[in-house]
Amino acid sequence: MDTKSFANRSIHCTVKDCKHHCEKENYCSLDSIEVATHEKNPTNVQCTDCNSFACKDRSCCF
């Protein structure tokens, strides 16, 4: 099954450069994602990251 054709309506996503982003809708195609932080004591949304992100193509990561 083409993973990009399955929109997981539980995971809203607007990161179009991620290979897991559904191309026609703002949802992730993964069954689940890992959310992490890069801060010792996160205090706002900017301190969190989607660790399931993967570049759609190599040009988006440079």
C-alpha atoms as a PDB file:
ATOM      1  CA  MET A   1       0.000   0.000   0.000  1.00  0.00           C
ATOM      2  CA  ASP A   2       1.226   3.500  -0.823  1.00  0.00           C
ATOM      3  CA  THR A   3       1.732   5.119   2.592  1.00  0.00           C
ATOM      4  CA  LYS A   4       1.184   8.617   1.234  1.00  0.00           C
ATOM      5  CA  SER A   5      -2.363   7.714   0.232  1.00  0.00           C
ATOM      6  CA  PHE A   6      -3.323   6.830   3.830  1.00  0.00           C
ATOM      7  CA  ALA A   7      -4.136   9.900   5.891  1.00  0.00           C
ATOM      8  CA  ASN A   8      -3.969   9.171   9.606  1.00  0.00           C
ATOM      9  CA  ARG A   9      -6.615  11.629  10.786  1.00  0.00           C
ATOM     10  CA  SER A  10      -5.217  11.397  14.336  1.00  0.00           C
ATOM     11  CA  ILE A  11      -1.947  13.060  13.276  1.00  0.00           C
ATOM     12  CA  HIS A  12      -2.372  16.496  11.699  1.00  0.00           C
ATOM     13  CA  CYS A  13       0.767  17.639   9.861  1.00  0.00           C
ATOM     14  CA  THR A  14       1.667  20.589   7.642  1.00  0.00           C
ATOM     15  CA  VAL A  15       5.320  19.683   6.970  1.00  0.00           C
ATOM     16  CA  LYS A  16       5.161  19.099   3.232  1.00  0.00           C
ATOM     17  CA  ASP A  17       8.913  18.335   3.029  1.00  0.00           C
ATOM     18  CA  CYS A  18       8.446  15.182   5.137  1.00  0.00           C
ATOM     19  CA  LYS A  19       8.177  11.940   3.196  1.00  0.00           C
ATOM     20  CA  HIS A  20       5.363  10.802   5.525  1.00  0.00           C
ATOM     21  CA  HIS A  21       3.148  13.809   4.731  1.00  0.00           C
ATOM     22  CA  CYS A  22       0.012  12.961   2.765  1.00  0.00           C
ATOM     23  CA  GLU A  23       0.331  14.940  -0.411  1.00  0.00           C
ATOM     24  CA  LYS A  24      -3.345  15.820  -0.782  1.00  0.00           C
ATOM     25  CA  GLU A  25      -4.197  16.456   2.888  1.00  0.00           C
ATOM     26  CA  ASN A  26      -2.438  17.916   5.939  1.00  0.00           C
ATOM     27  CA  TYR A  27      -2.063  14.607   7.763  1.00  0.00           C
ATOM     28  CA  CYS A  28       0.741  12.157   8.461  1.00  0.00           C
ATOM     29  CA  SER A  29       0.665   8.745   6.827  1.00  0.00           C
ATOM     30  CA  LEU A  30       2.343   6.951   9.756  1.00  0.00           C
ATOM     31  CA  ASP A  31       0.396   4.868  12.270  1.00  0.00           C
ATOM     32  CA  SER A  32       2.152   6.731  15.088  1.00  0.00           C
ATOM     33  CA  ILE A  33       4.900   9.306  15.558  1.00  0.00           C
ATOM     34  CA  GLU A  34       7.535  10.017  18.177  1.00  0.00           C
ATOM     35  CA  VAL A  35       7.513  13.509  19.696  1.00  0.00           C
ATOM     36  CA  ALA A  36      10.640  14.533  21.550  1.00  0.00           C
ATOM     37  CA  THR A  37      12.327  17.598  22.968  1.00  0.00           C
ATOM     38  CA  HIS A  38      15.727  19.128  22.400  1.00  0.00           C
ATOM     39  CA  GLU A  39      15.567  21.107  25.656  1.00  0.00           C
ATOM     40  CA  LYS A  40      16.359  19.981  29.194  1.00  0.00           C
ATOM     41  CA  ASN A  41      13.202  21.656  30.530  1.00  0.00           C
ATOM     42  CA  PRO A  42      10.785  22.314  27.659  1.00  0.00           C
ATOM     43  CA  THR A  43       8.435  25.220  28.300  1.00  0.00           C
ATOM     44  CA  ASN A  44       6.726  25.821  24.938  1.00  0.00           C
ATOM     45  CA  VAL A  45       5.843  24.198  21.627  1.00  0.00           C
ATOM     46  CA  GLN A  46       9.067  25.409  19.972  1.00  0.00           C
ATOM     47  CA  CYS A  47      10.991  23.073  22.303  1.00  0.00           C
ATOM     48  CA  THR A  48       9.428  19.952  20.785  1.00  0.00           C
ATOM     49  CA  ASP A  49      10.203  18.035  17.598  1.00  0.00           C
ATOM     50  CA  CYS A  50       8.694  15.274  15.520  1.00  0.00           C
ATOM     51  CA  ASN A  51      11.381  12.602  15.654  1.00  0.00           C
ATOM     52  CA  SER A  52       9.545  10.668  12.939  1.00  0.00           C
ATOM     53  CA  PHE A  53      10.400  13.332  10.351  1.00  0.00           C
ATOM     54  CA  ALA A  54      12.178  12.062   7.242  1.00  0.00           C
ATOM     55  CA  CYS A  55      13.146  14.198   4.253  1.00  0.00           C
ATOM     56  CA  LYS A  56      10.910  13.754   1.244  1.00  0.00           C
ATOM     57  CA  ASP A  57      13.974  14.207  -0.952  1.00  0.00           C
ATOM     58  CA  ARG A  58      17.564  15.061  -0.259  1.00  0.00           C
ATOM     59  CA  SER A  59      17.258  18.691  -1.364  1.00  0.00           C
ATOM     60  CA  CYS A  60      14.997  19.634   1.569  1.00  0.00           C
ATOM     61  CA  CYS A  61      17.648  18.792   4.140  1.00  0.00           C
ATOM     62  CA  PHE A  62      20.480  20.994   2.893  1.00  0.00           C
END
